[in-house]
Amino acid sequence: MRHDTIERSVNLMMVLIILAVSIGGLVELIPLMYSSEANEPAEGIEVYSPIRLAGRDVYVREGCYNCHSQMVRPFRSETERYGPYTTAGETVYDRPFQFGSKRTGPDLARVGGRYSDAWQRLHLQNPRALVPESTMPTYAWLEDRPVDPELLTAKLETLQFLGDPYTDEQIASAAAEVEGVSEMDALIAYLQGLGTNRRNRR
């Protein structure tokens, strides 16, 4: 088929473009769908505990991923600063993924345990008290917002339906686990768990 024939027919060109993109997309996606490394949890990866799940949802709701990525790229400069590069098996229980692409602040994929709970709390309450040049907004008001036990239970039930291996017992006890827990506490618990499984295996 001659190029001028294709270029003169908008409809034919659209069909051929869609065909080319579809084939390219399938070549990229189908192998990942059957790859255990991409769709099975990596060693040490477990579903989020109720309090960490609540914290992850606060993190997503507040748009933290707009300034903080959670993906260490496979470059020497990255792995020396942040630790082992991120694998697909680490994120199988993340909906949505927190990869991000912008680093106004540092990557948080391996931040768990690097600072104390007290440091994290003060940093969330007043970032500039610890990092004077920080542009991060304050989140002190999260201390006054309790985690909603009913909403959290409903989320766990939904995740179980989607295939996450939460047990009925975990779901039944979730409300009691977050009784009296603030959104600040939950967010700190989420941050303190990030990447700890990888660091323990280095």
C-alpha atoms as a PDB file:
ATOM      1  CA  MET A   1       0.000   0.000   0.000  1.00  0.00           C
ATOM      2  CA  ARG A   2       1.458   3.334  -1.038  1.00  0.00           C
ATOM      3  CA  HIS A   3       1.930   6.104   1.513  1.00  0.00           C
ATOM      4  CA  ASP A   4       0.059   8.685  -0.526  1.00  0.00           C
ATOM      5  CA  THR A   5      -3.024   6.455  -0.462  1.00  0.00           C
ATOM      6  CA  ILE A   6      -2.909   6.303   3.336  1.00  0.00           C
ATOM      7  CA  GLU A   7      -2.172  10.002   3.722  1.00  0.00           C
ATOM      8  CA  ARG A   8      -5.106  11.016   1.543  1.00  0.00           C
ATOM      9  CA  SER A   9      -7.600   8.935   3.502  1.00  0.00           C
ATOM     10  CA  VAL A  10      -8.135  10.187   7.054  1.00  0.00           C
ATOM     11  CA  ASN A  11     -10.333   7.214   7.924  1.00  0.00           C
ATOM     12  CA  LEU A  12      -7.799   4.666   6.666  1.00  0.00           C
ATOM     13  CA  MET A  13      -4.994   6.432   8.527  1.00  0.00           C
ATOM     14  CA  MET A  14      -7.037   6.413  11.771  1.00  0.00           C
ATOM     15  CA  VAL A  15      -7.735   2.688  11.432  1.00  0.00           C
ATOM     16  CA  LEU A  16      -4.053   1.912  10.833  1.00  0.00           C
ATOM     17  CA  ILE A  17      -2.951   4.117  13.767  1.00  0.00           C
ATOM     18  CA  ILE A  18      -5.423   2.408  16.100  1.00  0.00           C
ATOM     19  CA  LEU A  19      -4.254  -0.991  14.856  1.00  0.00           C
ATOM     20  CA  ALA A  20      -0.577  -0.123  15.412  1.00  0.00           C
ATOM     21  CA  VAL A  21      -1.199   1.296  18.906  1.00  0.00           C
ATOM     22  CA  SER A  22      -3.351  -1.707  19.863  1.00  0.00           C
ATOM     23  CA  ILE A  23      -0.721  -4.226  18.778  1.00  0.00           C
ATOM     24  CA  GLY A  24       2.012  -2.271  20.570  1.00  0.00           C
ATOM     25  CA  GLY A  25      -0.096  -2.026  23.715  1.00  0.00           C
ATOM     26  CA  LEU A  26      -0.880  -5.740  23.726  1.00  0.00           C
ATOM     27  CA  VAL A  27       2.790  -6.622  23.233  1.00  0.00           C
ATOM     28  CA  GLU A  28       3.594  -4.517  26.319  1.00  0.00           C
ATOM     29  CA  LEU A  29       0.673  -5.531  28.547  1.00  0.00           C
ATOM     30  CA  ILE A  30       0.013  -9.221  27.938  1.00  0.00           C
ATOM     31  CA  PRO A  31       3.397 -10.466  29.228  1.00  0.00           C
ATOM     32  CA  LEU A  32       2.924  -8.396  32.411  1.00  0.00           C
ATOM     33  CA  MET A  33      -0.503  -9.939  33.015  1.00  0.00           C
ATOM     34  CA  TYR A  34       1.103 -13.376  33.230  1.00  0.00           C
ATOM     35  CA  SER A  35       4.291 -12.355  35.028  1.00  0.00           C
ATOM     36  CA  SER A  36       4.414 -13.468  38.662  1.00  0.00           C
ATOM     37  CA  GLU A  37       6.913 -10.689  39.392  1.00  0.00           C
ATOM     38  CA  ALA A  38       4.344  -8.089  38.338  1.00  0.00           C
ATOM     39  CA  ASN A  39       1.138  -9.415  39.871  1.00  0.00           C
ATOM     40  CA  GLU A  40       2.219 -11.429  42.913  1.00  0.00           C
ATOM     41  CA  PRO A  41       3.484  -9.845  46.127  1.00  0.00           C
ATOM     42  CA  ALA A  42       7.244  -9.678  46.581  1.00  0.00           C
ATOM     43  CA  GLU A  43       8.819 -11.391  49.562  1.00  0.00           C
ATOM     44  CA  GLY A  44       7.707  -9.732  52.788  1.00  0.00           C
ATOM     45  CA  ILE A  45       4.822  -7.791  51.214  1.00  0.00           C
ATOM     46  CA  GLU A  46       1.534  -8.120  53.081  1.00  0.00           C
ATOM     47  CA  VAL A  47      -1.759  -6.293  52.890  1.00  0.00           C
ATOM     48  CA  TYR A  48      -1.936  -3.051  54.851  1.00  0.00           C
ATOM     49  CA  SER A  49      -3.029  -3.279  58.461  1.00  0.00           C
ATOM     50  CA  PRO A  50      -6.245  -1.309  59.129  1.00  0.00           C
ATOM     51  CA  ILE A  51      -4.408   1.673  60.647  1.00  0.00           C
ATOM     52  CA  ARG A  52      -1.876   1.804  57.790  1.00  0.00           C
ATOM     53  CA  LEU A  53      -4.669   1.485  55.222  1.00  0.00           C
ATOM     54  CA  ALA A  54      -6.419   4.454  56.850  1.00  0.00           C
ATOM     55  CA  GLY A  55      -3.134   6.376  56.724  1.00  0.00           C
ATOM     56  CA  ARG A  56      -2.579   5.493  53.079  1.00  0.00           C
ATOM     57  CA  ASP A  57      -6.037   6.871  52.291  1.00  0.00           C
ATOM     58  CA  VAL A  58      -5.211  10.130  54.110  1.00  0.00           C
ATOM     59  CA  TYR A  59      -1.976  10.302  52.080  1.00  0.00           C
ATOM     60  CA  VAL A  60      -3.948   9.882  48.837  1.00  0.00           C
ATOM     61  CA  ARG A  61      -6.741  12.260  49.871  1.00  0.00           C
ATOM     62  CA  GLU A  62      -4.300  15.036  50.754  1.00  0.00           C
ATOM     63  CA  GLY A  63      -2.441  14.629  47.457  1.00  0.00           C
ATOM     64  CA  CYS A  64       0.941  13.856  49.029  1.00  0.00           C
ATOM     65  CA  TYR A  65       1.923  11.995  45.859  1.00  0.00           C
ATOM     66  CA  ASN A  66       1.865  15.313  43.990  1.00  0.00           C
ATOM     67  CA  CYS A  67       5.178  16.224  45.642  1.00  0.00           C
ATOM     68  CA  HIS A  68       6.533  12.869  46.841  1.00  0.00           C
ATOM     69  CA  SER A  69       7.117   9.883  44.606  1.00  0.00           C
ATOM     70  CA  GLN A  70       7.282   6.326  45.903  1.00  0.00           C
ATOM     71  CA  MET A  71       9.374   4.751  43.197  1.00  0.00           C
ATOM     72  CA  VAL A  72      13.131   4.353  43.424  1.00  0.00           C
ATOM     73  CA  ARG A  73      14.363   4.174  39.858  1.00  0.00           C
ATOM     74  CA  PRO A  74      17.085   1.664  38.860  1.00  0.00           C
ATOM     75  CA  PHE A  75      19.938   4.175  38.688  1.00  0.00           C
ATOM     76  CA  ARG A  76      22.997   4.277  40.894  1.00  0.00           C
ATOM     77  CA  SER A  77      22.256   7.806  42.130  1.00  0.00           C
ATOM     78  CA  GLU A  78      18.786   6.684  43.184  1.00  0.00           C
ATOM     79  CA  THR A  79      19.671   3.423  44.874  1.00  0.00           C
ATOM     80  CA  GLU A  80      22.564   4.983  46.773  1.00  0.00           C
ATOM     81  CA  ARG A  81      20.272   7.672  48.160  1.00  0.00           C
ATOM     82  CA  TYR A  82      17.028   5.772  48.692  1.00  0.00           C
ATOM     83  CA  GLY A  83      17.888   2.065  48.760  1.00  0.00           C
ATOM     84  CA  PRO A  84      16.876  -0.819  46.454  1.00  0.00           C
ATOM     85  CA  TYR A  85      14.895   0.155  43.373  1.00  0.00           C
ATOM     86  CA  THR A  86      11.146  -0.391  43.458  1.00  0.00           C
ATOM     87  CA  THR A  87       9.723  -3.596  41.997  1.00  0.00           C
ATOM     88  CA  ALA A  88       6.205  -4.277  40.776  1.00  0.00           C
ATOM     89  CA  GLY A  89       5.728  -6.923  43.465  1.00  0.00           C
ATOM     90  CA  GLU A  90       5.996  -4.249  46.159  1.00  0.00           C
ATOM     91  CA  THR A  91       2.917  -2.408  44.951  1.00  0.00           C
ATOM     92  CA  VAL A  92       0.417  -5.187  44.267  1.00  0.00           C
ATOM     93  CA  TYR A  93      -1.825  -4.031  47.126  1.00  0.00           C
ATOM     94  CA  ASP A  94      -1.733  -0.323  46.223  1.00  0.00           C
ATOM     95  CA  ARG A  95      -4.889   1.100  44.726  1.00  0.00           C
ATOM     96  CA  PRO A  96      -4.026   3.600  43.349  1.00  0.00           C
ATOM     97  CA  PHE A  97      -0.278   3.212  42.871  1.00  0.00           C
ATOM     98  CA  GLN A  98       1.804   5.925  44.535  1.00  0.00           C
ATOM     99  CA  PHE A  99       4.655   5.944  42.009  1.00  0.00           C
ATOM    100  CA  GLY A 100       4.357   9.644  41.250  1.00  0.00           C
ATOM    101  CA  SER A 101       6.841  11.460  39.049  1.00  0.00           C
ATOM    102  CA  LYS A 102       7.488  14.765  40.777  1.00  0.00           C
ATOM    103  CA  ARG A 103       9.946  15.257  43.596  1.00  0.00           C
ATOM    104  CA  THR A 104       9.329  18.600  45.178  1.00  0.00           C
ATOM    105  CA  GLY A 105      10.030  16.618  48.320  1.00  0.00           C
ATOM    106  CA  PRO A 106      12.136  13.442  48.613  1.00  0.00           C
ATOM    107  CA  ASP A 107      11.042  10.023  47.461  1.00  0.00           C
ATOM    108  CA  LEU A 108       9.263   8.213  50.306  1.00  0.00           C
ATOM    109  CA  ALA A 109       9.470   4.613  49.084  1.00  0.00           C
ATOM    110  CA  ARG A 110      11.984   3.699  51.821  1.00  0.00           C
ATOM    111  CA  VAL A 111      11.208   6.334  54.484  1.00  0.00           C
ATOM    112  CA  GLY A 112       9.767   3.866  57.021  1.00  0.00           C
ATOM    113  CA  GLY A 113      11.780   3.766  60.245  1.00  0.00           C
ATOM    114  CA  ARG A 114      14.299   6.414  59.158  1.00  0.00           C
ATOM    115  CA  TYR A 115      12.781   8.909  61.596  1.00  0.00           C
ATOM    116  CA  SER A 116      10.961   8.480  64.881  1.00  0.00           C
ATOM    117  CA  ASP A 117       7.212   8.831  65.283  1.00  0.00           C
ATOM    118  CA  ALA A 118       7.840  12.058  67.200  1.00  0.00           C
ATOM    119  CA  TRP A 119       9.866  13.457  64.277  1.00  0.00           C
ATOM    120  CA  GLN A 120       7.136  12.528  61.792  1.00  0.00           C
ATOM    121  CA  ARG A 121       4.465  14.126  63.995  1.00  0.00           C
ATOM    122  CA  LEU A 122       6.388  17.396  64.370  1.00  0.00           C
ATOM    123  CA  HIS A 123       7.189  17.420  60.661  1.00  0.00           C
ATOM    124  CA  LEU A 124       3.506  17.068  59.790  1.00  0.00           C
ATOM    125  CA  GLN A 125       2.504  19.712  62.335  1.00  0.00           C
ATOM    126  CA  ASN A 126       5.182  22.237  61.328  1.00  0.00           C
ATOM    127  CA  PRO A 127       7.543  21.152  58.540  1.00  0.00           C
ATOM    128  CA  ARG A 128       9.710  24.261  58.812  1.00  0.00           C
ATOM    129  CA  ALA A 129      10.521  23.501  62.447  1.00  0.00           C
ATOM    130  CA  LEU A 130      12.686  20.642  61.153  1.00  0.00           C
ATOM    131  CA  VAL A 131      13.460  21.671  57.585  1.00  0.00           C
ATOM    132  CA  PRO A 132      13.573  25.496  57.391  1.00  0.00           C
ATOM    133  CA  GLU A 133      13.546  25.579  53.560  1.00  0.00           C
ATOM    134  CA  SER A 134      10.554  23.213  53.298  1.00  0.00           C
ATOM    135  CA  THR A 135       7.596  24.248  51.142  1.00  0.00           C
ATOM    136  CA  MET A 136       5.375  21.506  52.545  1.00  0.00           C
ATOM    137  CA  PRO A 137       2.047  22.682  54.001  1.00  0.00           C
ATOM    138  CA  THR A 138       1.206  21.950  57.630  1.00  0.00           C
ATOM    139  CA  TYR A 139      -1.144  19.118  58.531  1.00  0.00           C
ATOM    140  CA  ALA A 140      -1.611  19.814  62.237  1.00  0.00           C
ATOM    141  CA  TRP A 141      -5.392  19.595  61.859  1.00  0.00           C
ATOM    142  CA  LEU A 142      -5.148  15.857  61.131  1.00  0.00           C
ATOM    143  CA  GLU A 143      -4.588  15.415  64.889  1.00  0.00           C
ATOM    144  CA  ASP A 144      -8.208  16.469  65.491  1.00  0.00           C
ATOM    145  CA  ARG A 145      -9.776  14.192  62.875  1.00  0.00           C
ATOM    146  CA  PRO A 146     -10.540  10.641  64.005  1.00  0.00           C
ATOM    147  CA  VAL A 147     -10.365   7.714  61.606  1.00  0.00           C
ATOM    148  CA  ASP A 148     -13.883   6.634  60.582  1.00  0.00           C
ATOM    149  CA  PRO A 149     -14.207   2.954  61.648  1.00  0.00           C
ATOM    150  CA  GLU A 150     -17.293   2.277  59.508  1.00  0.00           C
ATOM    151  CA  LEU A 151     -15.710   3.700  56.368  1.00  0.00           C
ATOM    152  CA  LEU A 152     -12.519   1.733  57.002  1.00  0.00           C
ATOM    153  CA  THR A 153     -14.478  -1.511  57.446  1.00  0.00           C
ATOM    154  CA  ALA A 154     -16.303  -0.872  54.167  1.00  0.00           C
ATOM    155  CA  LYS A 155     -12.962  -0.276  52.409  1.00  0.00           C
ATOM    156  CA  LEU A 156     -11.552  -3.540  53.738  1.00  0.00           C
ATOM    157  CA  GLU A 157     -14.631  -5.419  52.527  1.00  0.00           C
ATOM    158  CA  THR A 158     -14.230  -3.838  49.083  1.00  0.00           C
ATOM    159  CA  LEU A 159     -10.530  -4.725  48.925  1.00  0.00           C
ATOM    160  CA  GLN A 160     -11.343  -8.291  49.956  1.00  0.00           C
ATOM    161  CA  PHE A 161     -13.890  -8.432  47.121  1.00  0.00           C
ATOM    162  CA  LEU A 162     -11.206  -7.173  44.707  1.00  0.00           C
ATOM    163  CA  GLY A 163      -8.895 -10.012  45.734  1.00  0.00           C
ATOM    164  CA  ASP A 164      -6.731  -8.652  48.541  1.00  0.00           C
ATOM    165  CA  PRO A 165      -6.245 -11.449  51.105  1.00  0.00           C
ATOM    166  CA  TYR A 166      -7.997  -9.840  54.066  1.00  0.00           C
ATOM    167  CA  THR A 167      -9.663 -12.371  56.331  1.00  0.00           C
ATOM    168  CA  ASP A 168     -13.146 -11.969  57.759  1.00  0.00           C
ATOM    169  CA  GLU A 169     -11.536 -11.774  61.212  1.00  0.00           C
ATOM    170  CA  GLN A 170      -9.301  -8.866  60.135  1.00  0.00           C
ATOM    171  CA  ILE A 171     -12.308  -7.021  58.781  1.00  0.00           C
ATOM    172  CA  ALA A 172     -14.386  -7.695  61.891  1.00  0.00           C
ATOM    173  CA  SER A 173     -11.667  -6.377  64.210  1.00  0.00           C
ATOM    174  CA  ALA A 174     -10.701  -3.341  62.104  1.00  0.00           C
ATOM    175  CA  ALA A 175     -13.092  -0.900  63.771  1.00  0.00           C
ATOM    176  CA  ALA A 176     -11.753  -1.759  67.223  1.00  0.00           C
ATOM    177  CA  GLU A 177      -8.142  -1.364  66.022  1.00  0.00           C
ATOM    178  CA  VAL A 178      -8.687   2.239  64.971  1.00  0.00           C
ATOM    179  CA  GLU A 179     -10.826   3.269  67.929  1.00  0.00           C
ATOM    180  CA  GLY A 180      -9.491   6.615  69.172  1.00  0.00           C
ATOM    181  CA  VAL A 181      -6.883   6.792  66.373  1.00  0.00           C
ATOM    182  CA  SER A 182      -6.473  10.166  64.662  1.00  0.00           C
ATOM    183  CA  GLU A 183      -5.764  10.632  60.982  1.00  0.00           C
ATOM    184  CA  MET A 184      -2.358  11.951  62.051  1.00  0.00           C
ATOM    185  CA  ASP A 185      -1.619   8.661  63.870  1.00  0.00           C
ATOM    186  CA  ALA A 186      -2.752   6.668  60.842  1.00  0.00           C
ATOM    187  CA  LEU A 187      -0.650   8.708  58.410  1.00  0.00           C
ATOM    188  CA  ILE A 188       2.433   8.266  60.588  1.00  0.00           C
ATOM    189  CA  ALA A 189       1.809   4.502  60.760  1.00  0.00           C
ATOM    190  CA  TYR A 190       1.599   4.404  56.962  1.00  0.00           C
ATOM    191  CA  LEU A 191       4.823   6.371  56.505  1.00  0.00           C
ATOM    192  CA  GLN A 192       6.660   4.283  59.084  1.00  0.00           C
ATOM    193  CA  GLY A 193       5.959   1.100  57.138  1.00  0.00           C
ATOM    194  CA  LEU A 194       7.112   2.295  53.727  1.00  0.00           C
ATOM    195  CA  GLY A 195       9.957   0.167  52.385  1.00  0.00           C
ATOM    196  CA  THR A 196      10.785  -1.560  55.662  1.00  0.00           C
ATOM    197  CA  ASN A 197      10.392  -4.990  54.084  1.00  0.00           C
ATOM    198  CA  ARG A 198      13.086  -4.205  51.485  1.00  0.00           C
ATOM    199  CA  ARG A 199      15.491  -2.698  53.995  1.00  0.00           C
ATOM    200  CA  ASN A 200      15.321  -5.813  56.143  1.00  0.00           C
ATOM    201  CA  ARG A 201      16.410  -7.933  53.156  1.00  0.00           C
ATOM    202  CA  ARG A 202      19.391  -5.833  52.042  1.00  0.00           C
END
